[in-house]
Amino acid sequence: PGSMLPYEENGITYATPDLKESIGAYRAGKIDETTFSRFRQNICASC
């Protein structure tokens, strides 16, 4: 089908593996709940 569109935020491009890695980042206190929630909603940006 072709590629999912990547997600961009503050000049950084994210894709699906970044969402998985954000689980560990949230667990380690590197990102807050607001950022984690935004990643969950947006990193997988399209079909």
All heavy atoms as atom14 arrays in JSON, in Angstrom:
{
  "sequence": "PGSMLPYEENGITYATPDLKESIGAYRAGKIDETTFSRFRQNICASC",
  "atom14_mask": [
    [1, 1, 1, 1, 1, 1, 1, 0, 0, 0, 0, 0, 0, 0],
    [1, 1, 1, 1, 0, 0, 0, 0, 0, 0, 0, 0, 0, 0],
    [1, 1, 1, 1, 1, 1, 0, 0, 0, 0, 0, 0, 0, 0],
    [1, 1, 1, 1, 1, 1, 1, 1, 0, 0, 0, 0, 0, 0],
    [1, 1, 1, 1, 1, 1, 1, 1, 0, 0, 0, 0, 0, 0],
    [1, 1, 1, 1, 1, 1, 1, 0, 0, 0, 0, 0, 0, 0],
    [1, 1, 1, 1, 1, 1, 1, 1, 1, 1, 1, 1, 0, 0],
    [1, 1, 1, 1, 1, 1, 1, 1, 1, 0, 0, 0, 0, 0],
    [1, 1, 1, 1, 1, 1, 1, 1, 1, 0, 0, 0, 0, 0],
    [1, 1, 1, 1, 1, 1, 1, 1, 0, 0, 0, 0, 0, 0],
    [1, 1, 1, 1, 0, 0, 0, 0, 0, 0, 0, 0, 0, 0],
    [1, 1, 1, 1, 1, 1, 1, 1, 0, 0, 0, 0, 0, 0],
    [1, 1, 1, 1, 1, 1, 1, 0, 0, 0, 0, 0, 0, 0],
    [1, 1, 1, 1, 1, 1, 1, 1, 1, 1, 1, 1, 0, 0],
    [1, 1, 1, 1, 1, 0, 0, 0, 0, 0, 0, 0, 0, 0],
    [1, 1, 1, 1, 1, 1, 1, 0, 0, 0, 0, 0, 0, 0],
    [1, 1, 1, 1, 1, 1, 1, 0, 0, 0, 0, 0, 0, 0],
    [1, 1, 1, 1, 1, 1, 1, 1, 0, 0, 0, 0, 0, 0],
    [1, 1, 1, 1, 1, 1, 1, 1, 0, 0, 0, 0, 0, 0],
    [1, 1, 1, 1, 1, 1, 1, 1, 1, 0, 0, 0, 0, 0],
    [1, 1, 1, 1, 1, 1, 1, 1, 1, 0, 0, 0, 0, 0],
    [1, 1, 1, 1, 1, 1, 0, 0, 0, 0, 0, 0, 0, 0],
    [1, 1, 1, 1, 1, 1, 1, 1, 0, 0, 0, 0, 0, 0],
    [1, 1, 1, 1, 0, 0, 0, 0, 0, 0, 0, 0, 0, 0],
    [1, 1, 1, 1, 1, 0, 0, 0, 0, 0, 0, 0, 0, 0],
    [1, 1, 1, 1, 1, 1, 1, 1, 1, 1, 1, 1, 0, 0],
    [1, 1, 1, 1, 1, 1, 1, 1, 1, 1, 1, 0, 0, 0],
    [1, 1, 1, 1, 1, 0, 0, 0, 0, 0, 0, 0, 0, 0],
    [1, 1, 1, 1, 0, 0, 0, 0, 0, 0, 0, 0, 0, 0],
    [1, 1, 1, 1, 1, 1, 1, 1, 1, 0, 0, 0, 0, 0],
    [1, 1, 1, 1, 1, 1, 1, 1, 0, 0, 0, 0, 0, 0],
    [1, 1, 1, 1, 1, 1, 1, 1, 0, 0, 0, 0, 0, 0],
    [1, 1, 1, 1, 1, 1, 1, 1, 1, 0, 0, 0, 0, 0],
    [1, 1, 1, 1, 1, 1, 1, 0, 0, 0, 0, 0, 0, 0],
    [1, 1, 1, 1, 1, 1, 1, 0, 0, 0, 0, 0, 0, 0],
    [1, 1, 1, 1, 1, 1, 1, 1, 1, 1, 1, 0, 0, 0],
    [1, 1, 1, 1, 1, 1, 0, 0, 0, 0, 0, 0, 0, 0],
    [1, 1, 1, 1, 1, 1, 1, 1, 1, 1, 1, 0, 0, 0],
    [1, 1, 1, 1, 1, 1, 1, 1, 1, 1, 1, 0, 0, 0],
    [1, 1, 1, 1, 1, 1, 1, 1, 1, 1, 1, 0, 0, 0],
    [1, 1, 1, 1, 1, 1, 1, 1, 1, 0, 0, 0, 0, 0],
    [1, 1, 1, 1, 1, 1, 1, 1, 0, 0, 0, 0, 0, 0],
    [1, 1, 1, 1, 1, 1, 1, 1, 0, 0, 0, 0, 0, 0],
    [1, 1, 1, 1, 1, 1, 0, 0, 0, 0, 0, 0, 0, 0],
    [1, 1, 1, 1, 1, 0, 0, 0, 0, 0, 0, 0, 0, 0],
    [1, 1, 1, 1, 1, 1, 0, 0, 0, 0, 0, 0, 0, 0],
    [1, 1, 1, 1, 1, 1, 0, 0, 0, 0, 0, 0, 0, 0]
  ],
  "atom14_positions": [
    [[0.78, -1.24, 0.0], [0.0, 0.0, 0.0], [0.8, 1.28, 0.0], [0.29, 2.35, -0.31], [-0.82, -0.1, 1.29], [0.01, -0.94, 2.18], [0.67, -1.94, 1.28], [0.0, 0.0, 0.0], [0.0, 0.0, 0.0], [0.0, 0.0, 0.0], [0.0, 0.0, 0.0], [0.0, 0.0, 0.0], [0.0, 0.0, 0.0], [0.0, 0.0, 0.0]],
    [[2.08, 1.2, 0.34], [2.88, 2.41, 0.51], [2.99, 2.78, 1.97], [2.41, 2.16, 2.86], [0.0, 0.0, 0.0], [0.0, 0.0, 0.0], [0.0, 0.0, 0.0], [0.0, 0.0, 0.0], [0.0, 0.0, 0.0], [0.0, 0.0, 0.0], [0.0, 0.0, 0.0], [0.0, 0.0, 0.0], [0.0, 0.0, 0.0], [0.0, 0.0, 0.0]],
    [[3.75, 3.82, 2.23], [4.18, 4.15, 3.58], [3.19, 5.04, 4.33], [2.56, 5.93, 3.76], [5.54, 4.85, 3.53], [5.95, 5.26, 4.81], [0.0, 0.0, 0.0], [0.0, 0.0, 0.0], [0.0, 0.0, 0.0], [0.0, 0.0, 0.0], [0.0, 0.0, 0.0], [0.0, 0.0, 0.0], [0.0, 0.0, 0.0], [0.0, 0.0, 0.0]],
    [[3.09, 4.79, 5.63], [2.42, 5.71, 6.56], [3.18, 7.04, 6.56], [4.41, 7.07, 6.45], [2.44, 5.08, 7.96], [1.82, 5.91, 9.05], [1.99, 5.12, 10.68], [0.82, 3.76, 10.56], [0.0, 0.0, 0.0], [0.0, 0.0, 0.0], [0.0, 0.0, 0.0], [0.0, 0.0, 0.0], [0.0, 0.0, 0.0], [0.0, 0.0, 0.0]],
    [[2.46, 8.14, 6.69], [3.1, 9.44, 6.78], [3.78, 9.59, 8.14], [3.19, 9.24, 9.17], [2.08, 10.56, 6.58], [1.35, 10.57, 5.24], [0.29, 11.68, 5.22], [2.31, 10.74, 4.08], [0.0, 0.0, 0.0], [0.0, 0.0, 0.0], [0.0, 0.0, 0.0], [0.0, 0.0, 0.0], [0.0, 0.0, 0.0], [0.0, 0.0, 0.0]],
    [[5.01, 10.08, 8.19], [5.67, 10.3, 9.48], [5.04, 11.5, 10.21], [4.37, 12.34, 9.61], [7.12, 10.58, 9.09], [7.05, 11.09, 7.68], [5.87, 10.42, 7.04], [0.0, 0.0, 0.0], [0.0, 0.0, 0.0], [0.0, 0.0, 0.0], [0.0, 0.0, 0.0], [0.0, 0.0, 0.0], [0.0, 0.0, 0.0], [0.0, 0.0, 0.0]],
    [[5.28, 11.55, 11.5], [4.78, 12.64, 12.35], [5.93, 13.57, 12.68], [7.03, 13.13, 13.01], [4.17, 12.05, 13.63], [3.8, 13.07, 14.68], [2.81, 14.0, 14.45], [4.44, 13.07, 15.92], [2.45, 14.93, 15.43], [4.09, 13.99, 16.91], [3.1, 14.91, 16.65], [2.75, 15.82, 17.61], [0.0, 0.0, 0.0], [0.0, 0.0, 0.0]],
    [[5.69, 14.88, 12.59], [6.72, 15.86, 12.89], [6.3, 16.74, 14.05], [5.15, 17.18, 14.13], [7.02, 16.71, 11.65], [7.63, 15.92, 10.5], [8.06, 16.78, 9.34], [8.11, 18.03, 9.52], [8.35, 16.24, 8.27], [0.0, 0.0, 0.0], [0.0, 0.0, 0.0], [0.0, 0.0, 0.0], [0.0, 0.0, 0.0], [0.0, 0.0, 0.0]],
    [[7.24, 17.0, 14.95], [6.98, 17.85, 16.1], [8.28, 18.54, 16.5], [9.31, 17.89, 16.71], [6.45, 17.01, 17.27], [6.15, 17.81, 18.52], [5.58, 16.94, 19.63], [4.51, 16.33, 19.4], [6.19, 16.87, 20.72], [0.0, 0.0, 0.0], [0.0, 0.0, 0.0], [0.0, 0.0, 0.0], [0.0, 0.0, 0.0], [0.0, 0.0, 0.0]],
    [[8.24, 19.85, 16.55], [9.41, 20.65, 16.94], [10.65, 20.32, 16.12], [11.77, 20.23, 16.64], [9.71, 20.47, 18.44], [8.59, 20.98, 19.31], [7.94, 21.97, 19.0], [8.35, 20.28, 20.43], [0.0, 0.0, 0.0], [0.0, 0.0, 0.0], [0.0, 0.0, 0.0], [0.0, 0.0, 0.0], [0.0, 0.0, 0.0], [0.0, 0.0, 0.0]],
    [[10.42, 20.13, 14.81], [11.54, 19.86, 13.92], [12.06, 18.44, 13.96], [13.04, 18.13, 13.28], [0.0, 0.0, 0.0], [0.0, 0.0, 0.0], [0.0, 0.0, 0.0], [0.0, 0.0, 0.0], [0.0, 0.0, 0.0], [0.0, 0.0, 0.0], [0.0, 0.0, 0.0], [0.0, 0.0, 0.0], [0.0, 0.0, 0.0], [0.0, 0.0, 0.0]],
    [[11.44, 17.56, 14.72], [11.85, 16.16, 14.82], [10.8, 15.29, 14.15], [9.59, 15.51, 14.31], [12.02, 15.73, 16.29], [13.07, 16.61, 16.98], [12.43, 14.25, 16.38], [13.19, 16.35, 18.47], [0.0, 0.0, 0.0], [0.0, 0.0, 0.0], [0.0, 0.0, 0.0], [0.0, 0.0, 0.0], [0.0, 0.0, 0.0], [0.0, 0.0, 0.0]],
    [[11.25, 14.31, 13.37], [10.35, 13.39, 12.68], [10.27, 12.09, 13.46], [11.29, 11.5, 13.83], [10.83, 13.12, 11.25], [10.91, 14.37, 10.55], [9.87, 12.21, 10.51], [0.0, 0.0, 0.0], [0.0, 0.0, 0.0], [0.0, 0.0, 0.0], [0.0, 0.0, 0.0], [0.0, 0.0, 0.0], [0.0, 0.0, 0.0], [0.0, 0.0, 0.0]],
    [[9.04, 11.62, 13.69], [8.81, 10.4, 14.45], [8.1, 9.36, 13.59], [7.35, 9.7, 12.68], [7.93, 10.69, 15.68], [8.54, 11.63, 16.69], [8.33, 13.01, 16.6], [9.31, 11.14, 17.73], [8.87, 13.87, 17.54], [9.86, 12.0, 18.68], [9.64, 13.37, 18.57], [10.18, 14.22, 19.5], [0.0, 0.0, 0.0], [0.0, 0.0, 0.0]],
    [[8.33, 8.09, 13.91], [7.6, 6.98, 13.28], [7.3, 5.94, 14.36], [7.67, 6.12, 15.53], [8.41, 6.38, 12.14], [0.0, 0.0, 0.0], [0.0, 0.0, 0.0], [0.0, 0.0, 0.0], [0.0, 0.0, 0.0], [0.0, 0.0, 0.0], [0.0, 0.0, 0.0], [0.0, 0.0, 0.0], [0.0, 0.0, 0.0], [0.0, 0.0, 0.0]],
    [[6.64, 4.87, 13.98], [6.11, 3.9, 14.93], [7.1, 3.44, 16.0], [6.74, 3.35, 17.17], [5.54, 2.69, 14.18], [4.62, 3.15, 13.19], [4.81, 1.75, 15.12], [0.0, 0.0, 0.0], [0.0, 0.0, 0.0], [0.0, 0.0, 0.0], [0.0, 0.0, 0.0], [0.0, 0.0, 0.0], [0.0, 0.0, 0.0], [0.0, 0.0, 0.0]],
    [[8.36, 3.1, 15.68], [9.27, 2.63, 16.74], [9.52, 3.68, 17.82], [9.8, 3.33, 18.97], [10.55, 2.26, 15.99], [10.48, 3.01, 14.71], [9.03, 3.06, 14.36], [0.0, 0.0, 0.0], [0.0, 0.0, 0.0], [0.0, 0.0, 0.0], [0.0, 0.0, 0.0], [0.0, 0.0, 0.0], [0.0, 0.0, 0.0], [0.0, 0.0, 0.0]],
    [[9.39, 4.96, 17.45], [9.56, 6.01, 18.46], [8.45, 5.95, 19.5], [8.66, 6.29, 20.67], [9.57, 7.38, 17.78], [10.72, 7.53, 16.8], [11.87, 7.31, 17.21], [10.47, 7.83, 15.62], [0.0, 0.0, 0.0], [0.0, 0.0, 0.0], [0.0, 0.0, 0.0], [0.0, 0.0, 0.0], [0.0, 0.0, 0.0], [0.0, 0.0, 0.0]],
    [[7.26, 5.51, 19.08], [6.17, 5.34, 20.04], [6.49, 4.23, 21.03], [6.27, 4.38, 22.25], [4.86, 5.04, 19.3], [3.63, 4.77, 20.17], [3.35, 5.95, 21.09], [2.42, 4.46, 19.3], [0.0, 0.0, 0.0], [0.0, 0.0, 0.0], [0.0, 0.0, 0.0], [0.0, 0.0, 0.0], [0.0, 0.0, 0.0], [0.0, 0.0, 0.0]],
    [[7.03, 3.12, 20.53], [7.4, 2.02, 21.43], [8.48, 2.48, 22.42], [8.4, 2.18, 23.62], [7.9, 0.82, 20.63], [6.81, 0.07, 19.88], [7.38, -1.18, 19.25], [6.32, -1.96, 18.49], [6.84, -3.2, 17.91], [0.0, 0.0, 0.0], [0.0, 0.0, 0.0], [0.0, 0.0, 0.0], [0.0, 0.0, 0.0], [0.0, 0.0, 0.0]],
    [[9.48, 3.2, 21.91], [10.57, 3.62, 22.78], [10.12, 4.67, 23.78], [10.71, 4.81, 24.86], [11.74, 4.12, 21.93], [12.39, 2.99, 21.14], [13.57, 3.43, 20.28], [14.01, 4.59, 20.42], [14.04, 2.61, 19.46], [0.0, 0.0, 0.0], [0.0, 0.0, 0.0], [0.0, 0.0, 0.0], [0.0, 0.0, 0.0], [0.0, 0.0, 0.0]],
    [[9.04, 5.41, 23.46], [8.53, 6.4, 24.4], [7.96, 5.73, 25.65], [7.86, 6.38, 26.71], [7.47, 7.28, 23.73], [6.25, 6.58, 23.54], [0.0, 0.0, 0.0], [0.0, 0.0, 0.0], [0.0, 0.0, 0.0], [0.0, 0.0, 0.0], [0.0, 0.0, 0.0], [0.0, 0.0, 0.0], [0.0, 0.0, 0.0], [0.0, 0.0, 0.0]],
    [[7.58, 4.44, 25.56], [7.1, 3.72, 26.74], [8.21, 3.68, 27.8], [8.0, 3.98, 28.97], [6.66, 2.29, 26.37], [5.53, 2.31, 25.33], [6.21, 1.53, 27.62], [5.21, 0.94, 24.75], [0.0, 0.0, 0.0], [0.0, 0.0, 0.0], [0.0, 0.0, 0.0], [0.0, 0.0, 0.0], [0.0, 0.0, 0.0], [0.0, 0.0, 0.0]],
    [[9.43, 3.31, 27.34], [10.57, 3.28, 28.26], [10.96, 4.67, 28.73], [11.33, 4.86, 29.89], [0.0, 0.0, 0.0], [0.0, 0.0, 0.0], [0.0, 0.0, 0.0], [0.0, 0.0, 0.0], [0.0, 0.0, 0.0], [0.0, 0.0, 0.0], [0.0, 0.0, 0.0], [0.0, 0.0, 0.0], [0.0, 0.0, 0.0], [0.0, 0.0, 0.0]],
    [[10.86, 5.66, 27.82], [11.2, 7.04, 28.19], [10.24, 7.57, 29.25], [10.65, 8.24, 30.21], [11.16, 7.93, 26.95], [0.0, 0.0, 0.0], [0.0, 0.0, 0.0], [0.0, 0.0, 0.0], [0.0, 0.0, 0.0], [0.0, 0.0, 0.0], [0.0, 0.0, 0.0], [0.0, 0.0, 0.0], [0.0, 0.0, 0.0], [0.0, 0.0, 0.0]],
    [[8.96, 7.23, 29.11], [7.96, 7.64, 30.11], [8.23, 6.94, 31.44], [8.18, 7.55, 32.51], [6.56, 7.32, 29.6], [5.45, 7.62, 30.58], [5.2, 8.92, 30.99], [4.67, 6.59, 31.1], [4.19, 9.2, 31.91], [3.65, 6.86, 32.0], [3.42, 8.16, 32.4], [2.42, 8.43, 33.3], [0.0, 0.0, 0.0], [0.0, 0.0, 0.0]],
    [[8.55, 5.64, 31.36], [8.85, 4.87, 32.57], [10.07, 5.44, 33.29], [10.1, 5.47, 34.53], [9.1, 3.4, 32.18], [9.66, 2.51, 33.28], [8.61, 2.15, 34.3], [9.15, 1.32, 35.35], [9.73, 1.76, 36.46], [9.87, 3.05, 36.66], [10.18, 0.9, 37.38], [0.0, 0.0, 0.0], [0.0, 0.0, 0.0], [0.0, 0.0, 0.0]],
    [[11.06, 5.94, 32.54], [12.28, 6.48, 33.14], [12.15, 7.95, 33.53], [13.1, 8.54, 34.02], [13.44, 6.3, 32.16], [0.0, 0.0, 0.0], [0.0, 0.0, 0.0], [0.0, 0.0, 0.0], [0.0, 0.0, 0.0], [0.0, 0.0, 0.0], [0.0, 0.0, 0.0], [0.0, 0.0, 0.0], [0.0, 0.0, 0.0], [0.0, 0.0, 0.0]],
    [[10.97, 8.53, 33.3], [10.75, 9.92, 33.67], [11.34, 10.92, 32.7], [11.46, 12.11, 33.02], [0.0, 0.0, 0.0], [0.0, 0.0, 0.0], [0.0, 0.0, 0.0], [0.0, 0.0, 0.0], [0.0, 0.0, 0.0], [0.0, 0.0, 0.0], [0.0, 0.0, 0.0], [0.0, 0.0, 0.0], [0.0, 0.0, 0.0], [0.0, 0.0, 0.0]],
    [[11.68, 10.47, 31.49], [12.28, 11.37, 30.49], [11.24, 12.2, 29.76], [11.57, 13.23, 29.17], [13.11, 10.57, 29.5], [14.31, 9.86, 30.13], [15.11, 9.09, 29.08], [16.31, 8.4, 29.7], [17.11, 7.66, 28.69], [0.0, 0.0, 0.0], [0.0, 0.0, 0.0], [0.0, 0.0, 0.0], [0.0, 0.0, 0.0], [0.0, 0.0, 0.0]],
    [[10.0, 11.73, 29.69], [8.9, 12.5, 29.13], [7.73, 12.46, 30.1], [7.59, 11.51, 30.88], [8.47, 12.0, 27.73], [8.0, 10.54, 27.8], [9.57, 12.17, 26.71], [7.41, 10.02, 26.5], [0.0, 0.0, 0.0], [0.0, 0.0, 0.0], [0.0, 0.0, 0.0], [0.0, 0.0, 0.0], [0.0, 0.0, 0.0], [0.0, 0.0, 0.0]],
    [[6.88, 13.5, 30.05], [5.75, 13.54, 30.97], [4.5, 12.91, 30.34], [4.5, 12.53, 29.18], [5.47, 14.98, 31.42], [5.15, 15.92, 30.26], [4.77, 15.44, 29.17], [5.28, 17.15, 30.44], [0.0, 0.0, 0.0], [0.0, 0.0, 0.0], [0.0, 0.0, 0.0], [0.0, 0.0, 0.0], [0.0, 0.0, 0.0], [0.0, 0.0, 0.0]],
    [[3.44, 12.82, 31.14], [2.21, 12.18, 30.69], [1.59, 12.91, 29.5], [1.08, 12.28, 28.58], [1.2, 12.13, 31.85], [-0.2, 11.67, 31.45], [-0.25, 10.26, 30.9], [0.54, 9.41, 31.37], [-1.06, 10.01, 29.99], [0.0, 0.0, 0.0], [0.0, 0.0, 0.0], [0.0, 0.0, 0.0], [0.0, 0.0, 0.0], [0.0, 0.0, 0.0]],
    [[1.67, 14.23, 29.48], [1.1, 15.01, 28.38], [1.8, 14.67, 27.06], [1.15, 14.45, 26.03], [1.21, 16.51, 28.66], [0.51, 16.81, 29.87], [0.62, 17.33, 27.52], [0.0, 0.0, 0.0], [0.0, 0.0, 0.0], [0.0, 0.0, 0.0], [0.0, 0.0, 0.0], [0.0, 0.0, 0.0], [0.0, 0.0, 0.0], [0.0, 0.0, 0.0]],
    [[3.12, 14.62, 27.1], [3.89, 14.28, 25.89], [3.61, 12.84, 25.47], [3.42, 12.55, 24.28], [5.39, 14.46, 26.16], [5.63, 15.83, 26.52], [6.21, 14.13, 24.92], [0.0, 0.0, 0.0], [0.0, 0.0, 0.0], [0.0, 0.0, 0.0], [0.0, 0.0, 0.0], [0.0, 0.0, 0.0], [0.0, 0.0, 0.0], [0.0, 0.0, 0.0]],
    [[3.59, 11.94, 26.45], [3.32, 10.52, 26.15], [1.96, 10.36, 25.5], [1.8, 9.63, 24.5], [3.41, 9.72, 27.45], [3.41, 8.23, 27.28], [3.95, 7.62, 26.16], [2.86, 7.42, 28.27], [3.95, 6.24, 26.02], [2.86, 6.04, 28.14], [3.39, 5.45, 27.01], [0.0, 0.0, 0.0], [0.0, 0.0, 0.0], [0.0, 0.0, 0.0]],
    [[0.95, 11.06, 26.01], [-0.39, 10.99, 25.43], [-0.41, 11.55, 24.02], [-1.03, 10.99, 23.12], [-1.37, 11.77, 26.32], [-2.66, 11.77, 25.76], [0.0, 0.0, 0.0], [0.0, 0.0, 0.0], [0.0, 0.0, 0.0], [0.0, 0.0, 0.0], [0.0, 0.0, 0.0], [0.0, 0.0, 0.0], [0.0, 0.0, 0.0], [0.0, 0.0, 0.0]],
    [[0.3, 12.64, 23.79], [0.36, 13.24, 22.45], [1.04, 12.29, 21.47], [0.62, 12.16, 20.32], [1.09, 14.58, 22.52], [0.99, 15.39, 21.23], [1.53, 16.8, 21.43], [2.95, 16.84, 21.75], [3.45, 17.13, 22.95], [2.63, 17.41, 23.97], [4.76, 17.14, 23.16], [0.0, 0.0, 0.0], [0.0, 0.0, 0.0], [0.0, 0.0, 0.0]],
    [[2.08, 11.63, 21.9], [2.76, 10.65, 21.04], [1.82, 9.51, 20.68], [1.77, 9.07, 19.53], [4.01, 10.11, 21.75], [5.2, 11.03, 21.71], [6.36, 10.71, 22.39], [5.17, 12.22, 21.01], [7.47, 11.54, 22.37], [6.28, 13.08, 20.98], [7.42, 12.73, 21.67], [0.0, 0.0, 0.0], [0.0, 0.0, 0.0], [0.0, 0.0, 0.0]],
    [[1.09, 9.01, 21.68], [0.16, 7.91, 21.42], [-0.87, 8.29, 20.36], [-1.25, 7.48, 19.52], [-0.56, 7.49, 22.71], [0.31, 6.78, 23.72], [-0.54, 6.04, 24.76], [-1.43, 6.91, 25.48], [-1.16, 7.48, 26.66], [0.02, 7.27, 27.23], [-2.05, 8.24, 27.26], [0.0, 0.0, 0.0], [0.0, 0.0, 0.0], [0.0, 0.0, 0.0]],
    [[-1.31, 9.51, 20.38], [-2.36, 9.95, 19.48], [-1.86, 10.31, 18.08], [-2.62, 10.26, 17.12], [-3.07, 11.17, 20.09], [-3.85, 10.86, 21.35], [-4.29, 12.12, 22.07], [-4.37, 13.19, 21.49], [-4.56, 11.99, 23.37], [0.0, 0.0, 0.0], [0.0, 0.0, 0.0], [0.0, 0.0, 0.0], [0.0, 0.0, 0.0], [0.0, 0.0, 0.0]],
    [[-0.57, 10.66, 17.97], [-0.12, 11.28, 16.72], [1.02, 10.59, 15.98], [1.16, 10.78, 14.76], [0.31, 12.72, 17.0], [-0.86, 13.59, 17.41], [-1.77, 13.82, 16.63], [-0.84, 14.07, 18.65], [0.0, 0.0, 0.0], [0.0, 0.0, 0.0], [0.0, 0.0, 0.0], [0.0, 0.0, 0.0], [0.0, 0.0, 0.0], [0.0, 0.0, 0.0]],
    [[1.86, 9.82, 16.66], [3.04, 9.27, 15.98], [2.64, 8.36, 14.82], [3.23, 8.43, 13.74], [3.98, 8.56, 16.98], [4.8, 9.62, 17.73], [4.9, 7.58, 16.26], [5.79, 9.05, 18.73], [0.0, 0.0, 0.0], [0.0, 0.0, 0.0], [0.0, 0.0, 0.0], [0.0, 0.0, 0.0], [0.0, 0.0, 0.0], [0.0, 0.0, 0.0]],
    [[1.64, 7.52, 15.02], [1.11, 6.73, 13.89], [0.13, 7.65, 13.16], [-1.06, 7.71, 13.47], [0.42, 5.46, 14.39], [1.55, 4.35, 15.26], [0.0, 0.0, 0.0], [0.0, 0.0, 0.0], [0.0, 0.0, 0.0], [0.0, 0.0, 0.0], [0.0, 0.0, 0.0], [0.0, 0.0, 0.0], [0.0, 0.0, 0.0], [0.0, 0.0, 0.0]],
    [[0.65, 8.4, 12.18], [-0.02, 9.6, 11.7], [-1.07, 9.35, 10.62], [-1.88, 10.24, 10.34], [1.02, 10.6, 11.17], [0.0, 0.0, 0.0], [0.0, 0.0, 0.0], [0.0, 0.0, 0.0], [0.0, 0.0, 0.0], [0.0, 0.0, 0.0], [0.0, 0.0, 0.0], [0.0, 0.0, 0.0], [0.0, 0.0, 0.0], [0.0, 0.0, 0.0]],
    [[-1.05, 8.19, 9.98], [-1.99, 7.94, 8.88], [-2.08, 6.45, 8.63], [-1.4, 5.66, 9.28], [-1.52, 8.66, 7.61], [-0.4, 8.0, 7.05], [0.0, 0.0, 0.0], [0.0, 0.0, 0.0], [0.0, 0.0, 0.0], [0.0, 0.0, 0.0], [0.0, 0.0, 0.0], [0.0, 0.0, 0.0], [0.0, 0.0, 0.0], [0.0, 0.0, 0.0]],
    [[-2.88, 6.08, 7.64], [-2.84, 4.7, 7.16], [-1.55, 4.47, 6.38], [-0.73, 5.37, 6.19], [-4.05, 4.42, 6.27], [-5.6, 4.23, 7.2], [0.0, 0.0, 0.0], [0.0, 0.0, 0.0], [0.0, 0.0, 0.0], [0.0, 0.0, 0.0], [0.0, 0.0, 0.0], [0.0, 0.0, 0.0], [0.0, 0.0, 0.0], [0.0, 0.0, 0.0]]
  ]
}
